[in-house]
Amino acid sequence: MPKPSLSPRRLQALLIERIEALPGMAGQVTDVHTGGVRWVDAGPGEPNWYVPTGAQREDYRLDVARVIKQTQLEYDLDVD
């Protein structure tokens, strides 16, 4: 069964909503805020989007990465 797809703007908004629901993340700027989501050619069953990482690698948070990964499993990026 294919995953539902969202526009880049809607997908970014969903990610921000989920990230800001994490403890201590309300109002924090992440790579999702600054870089958005980007299309990537992917094979069947693989995510067709990613979040580009910024230069501030020390700001990496595992819980944010989990939100992104979980959302990749749930939604595809709409190419239209």
PDB file of N, CA and C in Angstrom:
ATOM      1  N   MET A   1       0.838  -1.170   0.000  1.00  0.00           N
ATOM      2  CA  MET A   1       0.000   0.000   0.000  1.00  0.00           C
ATOM      3  C   MET A   1       0.891   1.244   0.000  1.00  0.00           C
ATOM      4  N   PRO A   2       0.665   2.145  -0.920  1.00  0.00           N
ATOM      5  CA  PRO A   2       1.488   3.356  -0.973  1.00  0.00           C
ATOM      6  C   PRO A   2       1.215   4.279   0.221  1.00  0.00           C
ATOM      7  N   LYS A   3       2.261   4.998   0.597  1.00  0.00           N
ATOM      8  CA  LYS A   3       2.133   5.962   1.685  1.00  0.00           C
ATOM      9  C   LYS A   3       1.429   7.204   1.161  1.00  0.00           C
ATOM     10  N   PRO A   4       0.714   7.908   2.033  1.00  0.00           N
ATOM     11  CA  PRO A   4       0.163   9.193   1.600  1.00  0.00           C
ATOM     12  C   PRO A   4       1.295  10.162   1.300  1.00  0.00           C
ATOM     13  N   SER A   5       1.054  11.089   0.396  1.00  0.00           N
ATOM     14  CA  SER A   5       2.091  12.066   0.067  1.00  0.00           C
ATOM     15  C   SER A   5       1.609  13.464   0.439  1.00  0.00           C
ATOM     16  N   LEU A   6       2.569  14.290   0.823  1.00  0.00           N
ATOM     17  CA  LEU A   6       2.296  15.662   1.229  1.00  0.00           C
ATOM     18  C   LEU A   6       3.154  16.612   0.415  1.00  0.00           C
ATOM     19  N   SER A   7       2.674  17.838   0.267  1.00  0.00           N
ATOM     20  CA  SER A   7       3.476  18.871  -0.390  1.00  0.00           C
ATOM     21  C   SER A   7       4.684  19.179   0.491  1.00  0.00           C
ATOM     22  N   PRO A   8       5.746  19.721  -0.095  1.00  0.00           N
ATOM     23  CA  PRO A   8       6.912  20.071   0.722  1.00  0.00           C
ATOM     24  C   PRO A   8       6.557  21.003   1.883  1.00  0.00           C
ATOM     25  N   ARG A   9       5.724  21.980   1.630  1.00  0.00           N
ATOM     26  CA  ARG A   9       5.331  22.931   2.683  1.00  0.00           C
ATOM     27  C   ARG A   9       4.577  22.235   3.811  1.00  0.00           C
ATOM     28  N   ARG A  10       3.640  21.368   3.455  1.00  0.00           N
ATOM     29  CA  ARG A  10       2.851  20.653   4.476  1.00  0.00           C
ATOM     30  C   ARG A  10       3.728  19.673   5.249  1.00  0.00           C
ATOM     31  N   LEU A  11       4.632  18.994   4.562  1.00  0.00           N
ATOM     32  CA  LEU A  11       5.522  18.046   5.212  1.00  0.00           C
ATOM     33  C   LEU A  11       6.448  18.768   6.202  1.00  0.00           C
ATOM     34  N   GLN A  12       6.975  19.902   5.797  1.00  0.00           N
ATOM     35  CA  GLN A  12       7.821  20.691   6.685  1.00  0.00           C
ATOM     36  C   GLN A  12       7.019  21.152   7.911  1.00  0.00           C
ATOM     37  N   ALA A  13       5.798  21.618   7.704  1.00  0.00           N
ATOM     38  CA  ALA A  13       4.956  22.068   8.815  1.00  0.00           C
ATOM     39  C   ALA A  13       4.655  20.920   9.785  1.00  0.00           C
ATOM     40  N   LEU A  14       4.397  19.742   9.247  1.00  0.00           N
ATOM     41  CA  LEU A  14       4.137  18.575  10.087  1.00  0.00           C
ATOM     42  C   LEU A  14       5.364  18.224  10.919  1.00  0.00           C
ATOM     43  N   LEU A  15       6.532  18.235  10.275  1.00  0.00           N
ATOM     44  CA  LEU A  15       7.772  17.945  11.003  1.00  0.00           C
ATOM     45  C   LEU A  15       8.010  18.964  12.114  1.00  0.00           C
ATOM     46  N   ILE A  16       7.823  20.235  11.818  1.00  0.00           N
ATOM     47  CA  ILE A  16       8.024  21.272  12.824  1.00  0.00           C
ATOM     48  C   ILE A  16       7.055  21.075  13.990  1.00  0.00           C
ATOM     49  N   GLU A  17       5.826  20.773  13.683  1.00  0.00           N
ATOM     50  CA  GLU A  17       4.831  20.525  14.727  1.00  0.00           C
ATOM     51  C   GLU A  17       5.268  19.373  15.629  1.00  0.00           C
ATOM     52  N   ARG A  18       5.722  18.289  15.033  1.00  0.00           N
ATOM     53  CA  ARG A  18       6.151  17.119  15.808  1.00  0.00           C
ATOM     54  C   ARG A  18       7.422  17.400  16.600  1.00  0.00           C
ATOM     55  N   ILE A  19       8.346  18.120  16.005  1.00  0.00           N
ATOM     56  CA  ILE A  19       9.603  18.434  16.700  1.00  0.00           C
ATOM     57  C   ILE A  19       9.334  19.362  17.876  1.00  0.00           C
ATOM     58  N   GLU A  20       8.489  20.371  17.675  1.00  0.00           N
ATOM     59  CA  GLU A  20       8.210  21.312  18.757  1.00  0.00           C
ATOM     60  C   GLU A  20       7.406  20.683  19.887  1.00  0.00           C
ATOM     61  N   ALA A  21       6.816  19.524  19.657  1.00  0.00           N
ATOM     62  CA  ALA A  21       6.113  18.795  20.712  1.00  0.00           C
ATOM     63  C   ALA A  21       7.088  18.027  21.617  1.00  0.00           C
ATOM     64  N   LEU A  22       8.342  17.889  21.187  1.00  0.00           N
ATOM     65  CA  LEU A  22       9.346  17.208  22.002  1.00  0.00           C
ATOM     66  C   LEU A  22       9.723  18.095  23.191  1.00  0.00           C
ATOM     67  N   PRO A  23      10.065  17.489  24.319  1.00  0.00           N
ATOM     68  CA  PRO A  23      10.462  18.280  25.490  1.00  0.00           C
ATOM     69  C   PRO A  23      11.645  19.207  25.176  1.00  0.00           C
ATOM     70  N   GLY A  24      11.488  20.468  25.493  1.00  0.00           N
ATOM     71  CA  GLY A  24      12.550  21.446  25.316  1.00  0.00           C
ATOM     72  C   GLY A  24      12.745  21.957  23.905  1.00  0.00           C
ATOM     73  N   MET A  25      11.901  21.558  22.967  1.00  0.00           N
ATOM     74  CA  MET A  25      12.110  21.949  21.575  1.00  0.00           C
ATOM     75  C   MET A  25      11.189  23.071  21.098  1.00  0.00           C
ATOM     76  N   ALA A  26      10.226  23.475  21.902  1.00  0.00           N
ATOM     77  CA  ALA A  26       9.319  24.555  21.476  1.00  0.00           C
ATOM     78  C   ALA A  26      10.127  25.820  21.211  1.00  0.00           C
ATOM     79  N   GLY A  27       9.990  26.353  20.013  1.00  0.00           N
ATOM     80  CA  GLY A  27      10.677  27.580  19.636  1.00  0.00           C
ATOM     81  C   GLY A  27      12.127  27.407  19.201  1.00  0.00           C
ATOM     82  N   GLN A  28      12.656  26.191  19.236  1.00  0.00           N
ATOM     83  CA  GLN A  28      14.033  25.938  18.818  1.00  0.00           C
ATOM     84  C   GLN A  28      14.105  25.830  17.295  1.00  0.00           C
ATOM     85  N   VAL A  29      15.159  26.370  16.717  1.00  0.00           N
ATOM     86  CA  VAL A  29      15.355  26.303  15.262  1.00  0.00           C
ATOM     87  C   VAL A  29      16.172  25.053  14.944  1.00  0.00           C
ATOM     88  N   THR A  30      15.667  24.267  14.001  1.00  0.00           N
ATOM     89  CA  THR A  30      16.340  23.028  13.593  1.00  0.00           C
ATOM     90  C   THR A  30      16.632  23.076  12.098  1.00  0.00           C
ATOM     91  N   ASP A  31      17.284  22.036  11.608  1.00  0.00           N
ATOM     92  CA  ASP A  31      17.537  21.919  10.164  1.00  0.00           C
ATOM     93  C   ASP A  31      16.229  21.890   9.377  1.00  0.00           C
ATOM     94  N   VAL A  32      15.170  21.387   9.975  1.00  0.00           N
ATOM     95  CA  VAL A  32      13.866  21.367   9.306  1.00  0.00           C
ATOM     96  C   VAL A  32      13.394  22.800   9.073  1.00  0.00           C
ATOM     97  N   HIS A  33      13.605  23.673  10.059  1.00  0.00           N
ATOM     98  CA  HIS A  33      13.203  25.073   9.926  1.00  0.00           C
ATOM     99  C   HIS A  33      14.014  25.779   8.835  1.00  0.00           C
ATOM    100  N   THR A  34      15.307  25.550   8.823  1.00  0.00           N
ATOM    101  CA  THR A  34      16.191  26.290   7.921  1.00  0.00           C
ATOM    102  C   THR A  34      16.352  25.642   6.547  1.00  0.00           C
ATOM    103  N   GLY A  35      16.306  24.315   6.484  1.00  0.00           N
ATOM    104  CA  GLY A  35      16.560  23.624   5.221  1.00  0.00           C
ATOM    105  C   GLY A  35      15.344  23.023   4.566  1.00  0.00           C
ATOM    106  N   GLY A  36      14.265  22.870   5.330  1.00  0.00           N
ATOM    107  CA  GLY A  36      13.065  22.267   4.773  1.00  0.00           C
ATOM    108  C   GLY A  36      13.268  20.805   4.428  1.00  0.00           C
ATOM    109  N   VAL A  37      12.534  20.344   3.451  1.00  0.00           N
ATOM    110  CA  VAL A  37      12.659  18.969   2.965  1.00  0.00           C
ATOM    111  C   VAL A  37      13.043  19.011   1.494  1.00  0.00           C
ATOM    112  N   ARG A  38      13.780  18.022   1.068  1.00  0.00           N
ATOM    113  CA  ARG A  38      14.262  17.959  -0.317  1.00  0.00           C
ATOM    114  C   ARG A  38      13.930  16.599  -0.919  1.00  0.00           C
ATOM    115  N   TRP A  39      13.603  16.636  -2.190  1.00  0.00           N
ATOM    116  CA  TRP A  39      13.338  15.418  -2.968  1.00  0.00           C
ATOM    117  C   TRP A  39      14.636  14.645  -3.158  1.00  0.00           C
ATOM    118  N   VAL A  40      14.527  13.329  -3.185  1.00  0.00           N
ATOM    119  CA  VAL A  40      15.642  12.468  -3.526  1.00  0.00           C
ATOM    120  C   VAL A  40      15.080  11.274  -4.303  1.00  0.00           C
ATOM    121  N   ASP A  41      15.778  10.889  -5.387  1.00  0.00           N
ATOM    122  CA  ASP A  41      15.367   9.686  -6.109  1.00  0.00           C
ATOM    123  C   ASP A  41      15.567   8.496  -5.183  1.00  0.00           C
ATOM    124  N   ALA A  42      14.562   7.665  -5.092  1.00  0.00           N
ATOM    125  CA  ALA A  42      14.618   6.538  -4.173  1.00  0.00           C
ATOM    126  C   ALA A  42      14.005   5.309  -4.816  1.00  0.00           C
ATOM    127  N   GLY A  43      14.468   4.177  -4.365  1.00  0.00           N
ATOM    128  CA  GLY A  43      13.910   2.922  -4.834  1.00  0.00           C
ATOM    129  C   GLY A  43      12.580   2.640  -4.157  1.00  0.00           C
ATOM    130  N   PRO A  44      11.906   1.593  -4.588  1.00  0.00           N
ATOM    131  CA  PRO A  44      10.618   1.239  -3.992  1.00  0.00           C
ATOM    132  C   PRO A  44      10.743   1.006  -2.487  1.00  0.00           C
ATOM    133  N   GLY A  45       9.838   1.614  -1.743  1.00  0.00           N
ATOM    134  CA  GLY A  45       9.827   1.430  -0.301  1.00  0.00           C
ATOM    135  C   GLY A  45      10.795   2.314   0.471  1.00  0.00           C
ATOM    136  N   GLU A  46      11.633   3.066  -0.230  1.00  0.00           N
ATOM    137  CA  GLU A  46      12.590   3.956   0.434  1.00  0.00           C
ATOM    138  C   GLU A  46      12.013   5.368   0.478  1.00  0.00           C
ATOM    139  N   PRO A  47      12.434   6.170   1.481  1.00  0.00           N
ATOM    140  CA  PRO A  47      11.947   7.551   1.550  1.00  0.00           C
ATOM    141  C   PRO A  47      12.369   8.354   0.311  1.00  0.00           C
ATOM    142  N   ASN A  48      11.456   9.172  -0.217  1.00  0.00           N
ATOM    143  CA  ASN A  48      11.789   9.984  -1.396  1.00  0.00           C
ATOM    144  C   ASN A  48      12.102  11.432  -1.008  1.00  0.00           C
ATOM    145  N   TRP A  49      12.405  11.659   0.269  1.00  0.00           N
ATOM    146  CA  TRP A  49      12.767  13.001   0.729  1.00  0.00           C
ATOM    147  C   TRP A  49      13.721  12.890   1.913  1.00  0.00           C
ATOM    148  N   TYR A  50      14.414  13.998   2.165  1.00  0.00           N
ATOM    149  CA  TYR A  50      15.318  14.071   3.310  1.00  0.00           C
ATOM    150  C   TYR A  50      15.370  15.510   3.793  1.00  0.00           C
ATOM    151  N   VAL A  51      15.960  15.697   4.965  1.00  0.00           N
ATOM    152  CA  VAL A  51      16.183  17.020   5.527  1.00  0.00           C
ATOM    153  C   VAL A  51      17.678  17.284   5.439  1.00  0.00           C
ATOM    154  N   PRO A  52      18.097  18.301   4.685  1.00  0.00           N
ATOM    155  CA  PRO A  52      19.528  18.598   4.601  1.00  0.00           C
ATOM    156  C   PRO A  52      20.054  19.058   5.967  1.00  0.00           C
ATOM    157  N   THR A  53      21.235  18.577   6.321  1.00  0.00           N
ATOM    158  CA  THR A  53      21.824  18.949   7.605  1.00  0.00           C
ATOM    159  C   THR A  53      22.647  20.207   7.455  1.00  0.00           C
ATOM    160  N   GLY A  54      22.585  21.031   8.466  1.00  0.00           N
ATOM    161  CA  GLY A  54      23.335  22.274   8.480  1.00  0.00           C
ATOM    162  C   GLY A  54      24.737  22.080   9.016  1.00  0.00           C
ATOM    163  N   ALA A  55      25.428  23.164   9.143  1.00  0.00           N
ATOM    164  CA  ALA A  55      26.823  23.119   9.601  1.00  0.00           C
ATOM    165  C   ALA A  55      26.935  22.915  11.104  1.00  0.00           C
ATOM    166  N   GLN A  56      25.877  23.120  11.845  1.00  0.00           N
ATOM    167  CA  GLN A  56      25.922  23.033  13.303  1.00  0.00           C
ATOM    168  C   GLN A  56      25.666  21.603  13.778  1.00  0.00           C
ATOM    169  N   ARG A  57      26.582  20.715  13.488  1.00  0.00           N
ATOM    170  CA  ARG A  57      26.408  19.310  13.854  1.00  0.00           C
ATOM    171  C   ARG A  57      26.317  19.095  15.361  1.00  0.00           C
ATOM    172  N   GLU A  58      26.880  20.014  16.162  1.00  0.00           N
ATOM    173  CA  GLU A  58      26.798  19.852  17.618  1.00  0.00           C
ATOM    174  C   GLU A  58      25.361  20.036  18.118  1.00  0.00           C
ATOM    175  N   ASP A  59      24.487  20.577  17.277  1.00  0.00           N
ATOM    176  CA  ASP A  59      23.084  20.747  17.647  1.00  0.00           C
ATOM    177  C   ASP A  59      22.245  19.518  17.333  1.00  0.00           C
ATOM    178  N   TYR A  60      22.867  18.456  16.813  1.00  0.00           N
ATOM    179  CA  TYR A  60      22.154  17.230  16.449  1.00  0.00           C
ATOM    180  C   TYR A  60      21.487  16.620  17.678  1.00  0.00           C
ATOM    181  N   ARG A  61      20.243  16.232  17.512  1.00  0.00           N
ATOM    182  CA  ARG A  61      19.511  15.573  18.599  1.00  0.00           C
ATOM    183  C   ARG A  61      18.901  14.294  18.068  1.00  0.00           C
ATOM    184  N   LEU A  62      19.118  13.224  18.798  1.00  0.00           N
ATOM    185  CA  LEU A  62      18.617  11.923  18.396  1.00  0.00           C
ATOM    186  C   LEU A  62      17.089  11.906  18.341  1.00  0.00           C
ATOM    187  N   ASP A  63      16.427  12.574  19.272  1.00  0.00           N
ATOM    188  CA  ASP A  63      14.967  12.570  19.258  1.00  0.00           C
ATOM    189  C   ASP A  63      14.400  13.280  18.028  1.00  0.00           C
ATOM    190  N   VAL A  64      15.088  14.323  17.564  1.00  0.00           N
ATOM    191  CA  VAL A  64      14.663  15.009  16.342  1.00  0.00           C
ATOM    192  C   VAL A  64      14.880  14.088  15.132  1.00  0.00           C
ATOM    193  N   ALA A  65      16.009  13.398  15.107  1.00  0.00           N
ATOM    194  CA  ALA A  65      16.283  12.455  14.019  1.00  0.00           C
ATOM    195  C   ALA A  65      15.228  11.351  13.980  1.00  0.00           C
ATOM    196  N   ARG A  66      14.790  10.917  15.139  1.00  0.00           N
ATOM    197  CA  ARG A  66      13.741   9.882  15.191  1.00  0.00           C
ATOM    198  C   ARG A  66      12.423  10.398  14.616  1.00  0.00           C
ATOM    199  N   VAL A  67      12.082  11.642  14.926  1.00  0.00           N
ATOM    200  CA  VAL A  67      10.855  12.234  14.378  1.00  0.00           C
ATOM    201  C   VAL A  67      10.939  12.269  12.857  1.00  0.00           C
ATOM    202  N   ILE A  68      12.083  12.682  12.331  1.00  0.00           N
ATOM    203  CA  ILE A  68      12.253  12.743  10.875  1.00  0.00           C
ATOM    204  C   ILE A  68      12.137  11.350  10.271  1.00  0.00           C
ATOM    205  N   LYS A  69      12.825  10.379  10.847  1.00  0.00           N
ATOM    206  CA  LYS A  69      12.802   9.008  10.326  1.00  0.00           C
ATOM    207  C   LYS A  69      11.387   8.424  10.378  1.00  0.00           C
ATOM    208  N   GLN A  70      10.695   8.619  11.489  1.00  0.00           N
ATOM    209  CA  GLN A  70       9.332   8.105  11.610  1.00  0.00           C
ATOM    210  C   GLN A  70       8.415   8.734  10.564  1.00  0.00           C
ATOM    211  N   THR A  71       8.574  10.029  10.340  1.00  0.00           N
ATOM    212  CA  THR A  71       7.750  10.717   9.351  1.00  0.00           C
ATOM    213  C   THR A  71       8.080  10.231   7.943  1.00  0.00           C
ATOM    214  N   GLN A  72       9.359   9.910   7.683  1.00  0.00           N
ATOM    215  CA  GLN A  72       9.732   9.336   6.379  1.00  0.00           C
ATOM    216  C   GLN A  72       9.039   7.996   6.159  1.00  0.00           C
ATOM    217  N   LEU A  73       8.845   7.239   7.224  1.00  0.00           N
ATOM    218  CA  LEU A  73       8.167   5.951   7.104  1.00  0.00           C
ATOM    219  C   LEU A  73       6.673   6.115   6.858  1.00  0.00           C
ATOM    220  N   GLU A  74       6.119   7.250   7.273  1.00  0.00           N
ATOM    221  CA  GLU A  74       4.685   7.485   7.162  1.00  0.00           C
ATOM    222  C   GLU A  74       4.260   8.200   5.879  1.00  0.00           C
ATOM    223  N   TYR A  75       5.121   9.123   5.376  1.00  0.00           N
ATOM    224  CA  TYR A  75       4.713   9.982   4.259  1.00  0.00           C
ATOM    225  C   TYR A  75       5.783  10.062   3.174  1.00  0.00           C
ATOM    226  N   ASP A  76       5.315  10.196   1.950  1.00  0.00           N
ATOM    227  CA  ASP A  76       6.169  10.510   0.807  1.00  0.00           C
ATOM    228  C   ASP A  76       6.028  11.983   0.500  1.00  0.00           C
ATOM    229  N   LEU A  77       6.991  12.512  -0.243  1.00  0.00           N
ATOM    230  CA  LEU A  77       6.929  13.881  -0.718  1.00  0.00           C
ATOM    231  C   LEU A  77       6.158  13.903  -2.023  1.00  0.00           C
ATOM    232  N   ASP A  78       5.192  14.790  -2.113  1.00  0.00           N
ATOM    233  CA  ASP A  78       4.394  14.936  -3.327  1.00  0.00           C
ATOM    234  C   ASP A  78       5.241  15.643  -4.377  1.00  0.00           C
ATOM    235  N   VAL A  79       5.375  15.043  -5.530  1.00  0.00           N
ATOM    236  CA  VAL A  79       6.229  15.626  -6.576  1.00  0.00           C
ATOM    237  C   VAL A  79       5.482  16.587  -7.472  1.00  0.00           C
ATOM    238  N   ASP A  80       4.172  16.675  -7.335  1.00  0.00           N
ATOM    239  CA  ASP A  80       3.388  17.586  -8.195  1.00  0.00           C
ATOM    240  C   ASP A  80       3.519  19.013  -7.754  1.00  0.00           C
TER     241      ASP A  80
END
